[in-house]
Amino acid sequence: MVKLIIDSPAYASREFVEKNNIGVVSLKFTLDGVTKAEGFENEWGEFFENLKTSKDFPKTSLPSPEDFLKAYNTASENDDIVVITISKSLSGTYNSACVAKDLYAHPEKVFIVDSGQCAQSELLLVEEVVELINQGKSGKEIFEQAQLIATKTCIQFVPSTMEYLKRGGRISLLSATIANVLNIKPILSFKNGVLTCTKKCLGMGKALTEMVKSIPQKCKKIYVCYIHESELLKTLINKVNEALKINIVEGKKLGPVIGSHIGVGAVGLATLENYN
């Protein structure tokens, strides 16, 4: 058997986690002096409402090796353990998982995957790994396949405002001001551990159209994503449904650890290309 352990920024639902017996190791965030575990979707609303008015910007903290070791110890003695973490370019979570592996009684049974992703692009990898577990694959087989799948996932976002990127130190005050005044909307892409601005568009409508155009031709799975609330969510869903001739009806929410940096109101797409 294989025990799957993930971190909270994969943003898997509580129902999905419970159904598939997945262990979740949570990152933490601190805002206005209050520290909380990231948790699940129904626990994020208060944070984002406070973020909109707070003069503070949240700080995040990674899980300790002890947090991961506790999760490892929930596995049966004969289980392989597959761990999927947020990209190590964004967090030290992967390193904590590795330290915990060395502390575990059976380190040879632990297989740790740096997803190179975050949020719903990490979730897409997690869902594929669940399928491999259900097929009876071993931990080593899943580890090898997961590394390939991870390279086929990507997440893109268009921020509704540059304010949060400025507050988080991702861009300068001058750049944020110019972008807001000129109504320039960047398309931000995160893939294989690298964040890039793939395009700058004049206006939100143009940015959403261009983001939809960038969907891979051989797309196995796609999620429309948003942060807390968005007037643009329905527009983006309609554009995706029209382009792909599918019927997405709702979006996937991002939590505090990732969502605070992109900002309330942002919308995006997480995609998985065919890899077989």
Protein backbone atom coordinates (compact mmCIF):
# COMPACT_ATOMS: atom_id res chain seq x y z
CA MET A 1 0.00 0.00 0.00
CA VAL A 2 0.98 3.64 -0.49
CA LYS A 3 0.28 6.48 1.94
CA LEU A 4 0.06 9.90 0.27
CA ILE A 5 1.04 13.05 2.17
CA ILE A 6 0.66 16.56 0.76
CA ASP A 7 1.01 20.11 2.06
CA SER A 8 -1.78 22.65 2.49
CA PRO A 9 -0.90 24.85 -0.55
CA ALA A 10 -2.11 22.08 -2.86
CA TYR A 11 -5.57 23.30 -1.78
CA ALA A 12 -7.22 19.90 -1.89
CA SER A 13 -10.72 19.87 -0.46
CA ARG A 14 -11.41 18.28 2.90
CA GLU A 15 -13.75 15.80 1.17
CA PHE A 16 -11.06 14.73 -1.33
CA VAL A 17 -8.48 14.31 1.43
CA GLU A 18 -10.78 12.23 3.62
CA LYS A 19 -12.02 10.07 0.75
CA ASN A 20 -8.48 9.16 -0.30
CA ASN A 21 -6.92 8.91 3.18
CA ILE A 22 -4.41 11.66 2.41
CA GLY A 23 -2.28 13.21 5.13
CA VAL A 24 -2.02 17.02 5.00
CA VAL A 25 0.83 18.97 6.57
CA SER A 26 -0.20 22.58 6.95
CA LEU A 27 1.83 25.73 6.43
CA LYS A 28 1.04 28.66 8.73
CA PHE A 29 0.43 32.35 8.18
CA THR A 30 0.62 35.37 10.46
CA LEU A 31 -1.43 38.55 9.93
CA ASP A 32 -1.76 41.39 12.44
CA GLY A 33 0.04 39.29 15.03
CA VAL A 34 -2.30 36.30 14.75
CA THR A 35 -0.84 32.99 13.53
CA LYS A 36 -3.01 30.22 12.12
CA ALA A 37 -2.61 26.98 10.21
CA GLU A 38 -3.73 27.38 6.60
CA GLY A 39 -6.34 24.64 6.83
CA PHE A 40 -9.13 24.15 4.31
CA GLU A 41 -11.32 26.34 2.11
CA ASN A 42 -14.06 27.13 4.62
CA GLU A 43 -11.42 28.58 6.97
CA TRP A 44 -9.99 31.28 4.65
CA GLY A 45 -12.74 33.89 4.43
CA GLU A 46 -11.86 35.88 7.57
CA PHE A 47 -8.20 36.05 6.57
CA PHE A 48 -8.89 37.58 3.17
CA GLU A 49 -11.41 40.06 4.56
CA ASN A 50 -8.79 41.19 7.08
CA LEU A 51 -6.11 41.31 4.38
CA LYS A 52 -8.15 43.81 2.36
CA THR A 53 -7.98 46.41 5.13
CA SER A 54 -4.83 45.47 7.07
CA LYS A 55 -1.72 47.66 6.93
CA ASP A 56 0.28 44.52 7.64
CA PHE A 57 1.30 41.93 5.05
CA PRO A 58 1.13 38.26 6.03
CA LYS A 59 4.19 36.22 6.82
CA THR A 60 4.22 32.50 6.18
CA SER A 61 6.06 29.73 8.01
CA LEU A 62 6.87 26.28 6.75
CA PRO A 63 6.13 23.02 8.54
CA SER A 64 8.84 21.64 10.79
CA PRO A 65 10.47 18.25 10.17
CA GLU A 66 8.55 17.09 13.26
CA ASP A 67 5.27 17.99 11.52
CA PHE A 68 6.20 15.74 8.60
CA LEU A 69 7.50 12.97 10.84
CA LYS A 70 4.17 12.94 12.66
CA ALA A 71 2.43 12.51 9.29
CA TYR A 72 4.84 9.72 8.26
CA ASN A 73 4.10 7.86 11.47
CA THR A 74 0.42 7.58 10.52
CA ALA A 75 1.42 5.13 7.77
CA SER A 76 1.40 1.40 8.37
CA GLU A 77 4.77 -0.27 8.83
CA ASN A 78 4.69 -1.87 5.39
CA ASP A 79 3.40 1.19 3.53
CA ASP A 80 5.41 3.18 1.05
CA ILE A 81 5.01 6.92 1.64
CA VAL A 82 4.77 9.40 -1.23
CA VAL A 83 5.09 13.06 -0.30
CA ILE A 84 4.21 15.94 -2.63
CA THR A 85 5.24 19.46 -1.67
CA ILE A 86 4.95 23.00 -2.96
CA SER A 87 7.85 24.04 -5.21
CA LYS A 88 11.09 24.37 -3.28
CA SER A 89 11.69 27.64 -5.14
CA LEU A 90 8.81 29.10 -3.09
CA SER A 91 9.21 27.40 0.28
CA GLY A 92 11.51 25.30 2.41
CA THR A 93 8.72 22.76 2.90
CA TYR A 94 10.44 20.21 0.64
CA ASN A 95 13.59 20.42 2.76
CA SER A 96 11.60 19.85 5.96
CA ALA A 97 10.07 16.75 4.41
CA CYS A 98 13.56 15.49 3.52
CA VAL A 99 14.90 16.04 7.04
CA ALA A 100 11.90 14.14 8.42
CA LYS A 101 12.65 11.27 6.05
CA ASP A 102 16.05 10.82 7.68
CA LEU A 103 14.38 10.72 11.10
CA TYR A 104 11.76 8.16 10.04
CA ALA A 105 12.19 4.52 11.06
CA HIS A 106 12.04 3.34 7.41
CA PRO A 107 13.53 6.13 5.25
CA GLU A 108 13.86 3.79 2.28
CA LYS A 109 10.06 3.74 2.07
CA VAL A 110 9.67 7.54 1.77
CA PHE A 111 9.58 9.15 -1.70
CA ILE A 112 9.46 12.96 -1.76
CA VAL A 113 8.39 14.85 -4.87
CA ASP A 114 9.15 18.53 -5.35
CA SER A 115 6.10 19.44 -7.43
CA GLY A 116 7.72 22.55 -8.91
CA GLN A 117 4.19 23.93 -8.59
CA CYS A 118 1.74 25.53 -6.19
CA ALA A 119 -1.99 25.74 -5.59
CA GLN A 120 -4.20 24.01 -8.18
CA SER A 121 -1.28 23.04 -10.44
CA GLU A 122 0.07 21.09 -7.46
CA LEU A 123 -3.44 19.70 -6.91
CA LEU A 124 -3.52 18.40 -10.49
CA LEU A 125 -0.37 16.41 -9.74
CA VAL A 126 -1.85 15.13 -6.48
CA GLU A 127 -4.97 13.91 -8.29
CA GLU A 128 -2.88 12.02 -10.85
CA VAL A 129 -0.89 10.40 -8.04
CA VAL A 130 -4.12 9.26 -6.38
CA GLU A 131 -5.02 7.50 -9.63
CA LEU A 132 -1.61 5.79 -9.68
CA ILE A 133 -2.11 4.63 -6.09
CA ASN A 134 -5.51 3.21 -7.01
CA GLN A 135 -3.82 1.33 -9.86
CA GLY A 136 -1.60 -0.42 -7.32
CA LYS A 137 1.68 1.27 -8.25
CA SER A 138 4.57 1.17 -5.77
CA GLY A 139 6.03 4.25 -4.11
CA LYS A 140 9.07 4.16 -6.39
CA GLU A 141 6.94 3.81 -9.53
CA ILE A 142 4.75 6.71 -8.45
CA PHE A 143 7.77 8.86 -7.59
CA GLU A 144 9.24 8.36 -11.06
CA GLN A 145 5.94 9.03 -12.84
CA ALA A 146 5.13 12.04 -10.67
CA GLN A 147 8.33 13.80 -11.66
CA LEU A 148 7.25 13.61 -15.30
CA ILE A 149 3.69 14.71 -14.60
CA ALA A 150 4.94 17.70 -12.61
CA THR A 151 6.61 19.11 -15.73
CA LYS A 152 3.27 19.05 -17.56
CA THR A 153 1.44 21.25 -15.07
CA CYS A 154 1.24 25.04 -14.99
CA ILE A 155 -0.74 27.78 -13.26
CA GLN A 156 -1.38 31.28 -14.62
CA PHE A 157 -2.99 34.31 -13.01
CA VAL A 158 -4.12 37.79 -13.88
CA PRO A 159 -4.17 40.03 -10.77
CA SER A 160 -7.15 42.36 -10.41
CA THR A 161 -4.82 44.97 -8.89
CA MET A 162 -1.06 45.36 -8.50
CA GLU A 163 -1.48 46.39 -4.85
CA TYR A 164 -0.78 42.97 -3.34
CA LEU A 165 2.28 42.33 -5.50
CA LYS A 166 3.59 45.72 -4.36
CA ARG A 167 2.84 45.05 -0.67
CA GLY A 168 4.52 41.66 -0.87
CA GLY A 169 7.65 43.16 -2.40
CA ARG A 170 7.24 41.40 -5.75
CA ILE A 171 7.20 44.67 -7.71
CA SER A 172 8.15 48.28 -6.95
CA LEU A 173 5.75 51.06 -6.01
CA LEU A 174 6.55 52.81 -9.30
CA SER A 175 5.80 49.72 -11.41
CA ALA A 176 2.54 49.10 -9.55
CA THR A 177 1.44 52.71 -9.97
CA ILE A 178 2.20 52.79 -13.69
CA ALA A 179 0.41 49.49 -14.27
CA ASN A 180 -2.69 50.61 -12.37
CA VAL A 181 -2.85 54.01 -14.05
CA LEU A 182 -2.41 52.58 -17.54
CA ASN A 183 -4.66 49.58 -16.81
CA ILE A 184 -1.89 47.16 -17.73
CA LYS A 185 -2.69 43.58 -16.69
CA PRO A 186 0.19 41.06 -16.56
CA ILE A 187 -0.31 37.34 -17.10
CA LEU A 188 1.78 35.63 -14.43
CA SER A 189 2.82 32.03 -15.06
CA PHE A 190 4.35 29.54 -12.63
CA LYS A 191 5.83 26.36 -14.10
CA ASN A 192 8.72 24.10 -13.08
CA GLY A 193 9.49 26.33 -10.13
CA VAL A 194 9.85 29.52 -12.14
CA LEU A 195 7.57 32.58 -12.03
CA THR A 196 7.43 34.63 -15.23
CA CYS A 197 5.34 37.39 -16.72
CA THR A 198 4.38 35.85 -20.03
CA LYS A 199 2.48 38.84 -21.38
CA LYS A 200 1.32 42.36 -20.48
CA CYS A 201 -2.09 43.31 -21.81
CA LEU A 202 -4.04 46.55 -21.97
CA GLY A 203 -7.16 45.84 -19.95
CA MET A 204 -8.55 42.83 -18.14
CA GLY A 205 -10.67 41.60 -21.05
CA LYS A 206 -7.64 41.30 -23.31
CA ALA A 207 -5.61 39.60 -20.55
CA LEU A 208 -8.27 36.94 -19.94
CA THR A 209 -8.60 36.28 -23.67
CA GLU A 210 -4.84 35.87 -24.05
CA MET A 211 -4.63 33.57 -21.04
CA VAL A 212 -7.32 31.32 -22.51
CA LYS A 213 -5.45 31.26 -25.83
CA SER A 214 -2.39 29.90 -24.00
CA ILE A 215 -4.18 26.73 -22.85
CA PRO A 216 -2.19 23.74 -24.19
CA GLN A 217 -3.78 22.08 -27.24
CA LYS A 218 -3.47 18.66 -25.62
CA CYS A 219 -4.93 19.63 -22.25
CA LYS A 220 -5.95 16.69 -20.07
CA LYS A 221 -7.45 18.71 -17.23
CA ILE A 222 -8.06 22.35 -16.36
CA TYR A 223 -9.21 24.32 -13.34
CA VAL A 224 -10.40 27.91 -13.27
CA CYS A 225 -9.02 29.48 -10.08
CA TYR A 226 -9.69 32.61 -8.08
CA ILE A 227 -8.74 34.32 -4.85
CA HIS A 228 -11.50 34.86 -2.27
CA GLU A 229 -13.92 36.75 -4.52
CA SER A 230 -13.88 37.89 -8.11
CA GLU A 231 -16.25 39.68 -10.44
CA LEU A 232 -14.21 38.18 -13.27
CA LEU A 233 -14.67 34.53 -12.38
CA LYS A 234 -17.84 33.97 -14.39
CA THR A 235 -16.34 35.78 -17.39
CA LEU A 236 -13.26 33.55 -17.37
CA ILE A 237 -15.32 30.38 -16.91
CA ASN A 238 -17.45 31.35 -19.92
CA LYS A 239 -14.35 32.01 -22.04
CA VAL A 240 -12.85 28.63 -21.13
CA ASN A 241 -16.09 26.75 -21.74
CA GLU A 242 -16.51 28.40 -25.13
CA ALA A 243 -12.90 27.76 -26.18
CA LEU A 244 -12.75 24.12 -25.07
CA LYS A 245 -16.42 23.15 -25.52
CA ILE A 246 -16.68 21.97 -21.93
CA ASN A 247 -18.94 22.81 -18.98
CA ILE A 248 -16.99 24.13 -15.98
CA VAL A 249 -19.51 25.52 -13.50
CA GLU A 250 -17.38 26.81 -10.62
CA GLY A 251 -13.89 27.93 -9.74
CA LYS A 252 -11.28 26.63 -7.30
CA LYS A 253 -10.22 28.88 -4.44
CA LEU A 254 -6.64 29.63 -3.41
CA GLY A 255 -5.72 29.90 0.26
CA PRO A 256 -3.72 32.47 2.22
CA VAL A 257 -0.16 31.20 1.66
CA ILE A 258 -0.30 31.69 -2.13
CA GLY A 259 -3.36 33.90 -2.55
CA SER A 260 -2.10 36.82 -0.47
CA HIS A 261 0.80 37.42 -2.86
CA ILE A 262 -1.36 37.57 -6.00
CA GLY A 263 -4.23 39.37 -4.33
CA VAL A 264 -7.96 39.27 -3.72
CA GLY A 265 -9.98 39.25 -6.94
CA ALA A 266 -7.34 37.59 -9.13
CA VAL A 267 -8.39 34.83 -11.54
CA GLY A 268 -6.34 32.15 -13.23
CA LEU A 269 -6.03 28.79 -14.91
CA ALA A 270 -4.29 25.60 -13.79
CA THR A 271 -3.63 23.12 -16.58
CA LEU A 272 -2.32 19.60 -17.03
CA GLU A 273 -1.05 18.57 -20.45
CA ASN A 274 -1.41 15.00 -21.70
CA TYR A 275 1.74 13.11 -20.75
CA ASN A 276 1.12 9.56 -22.01
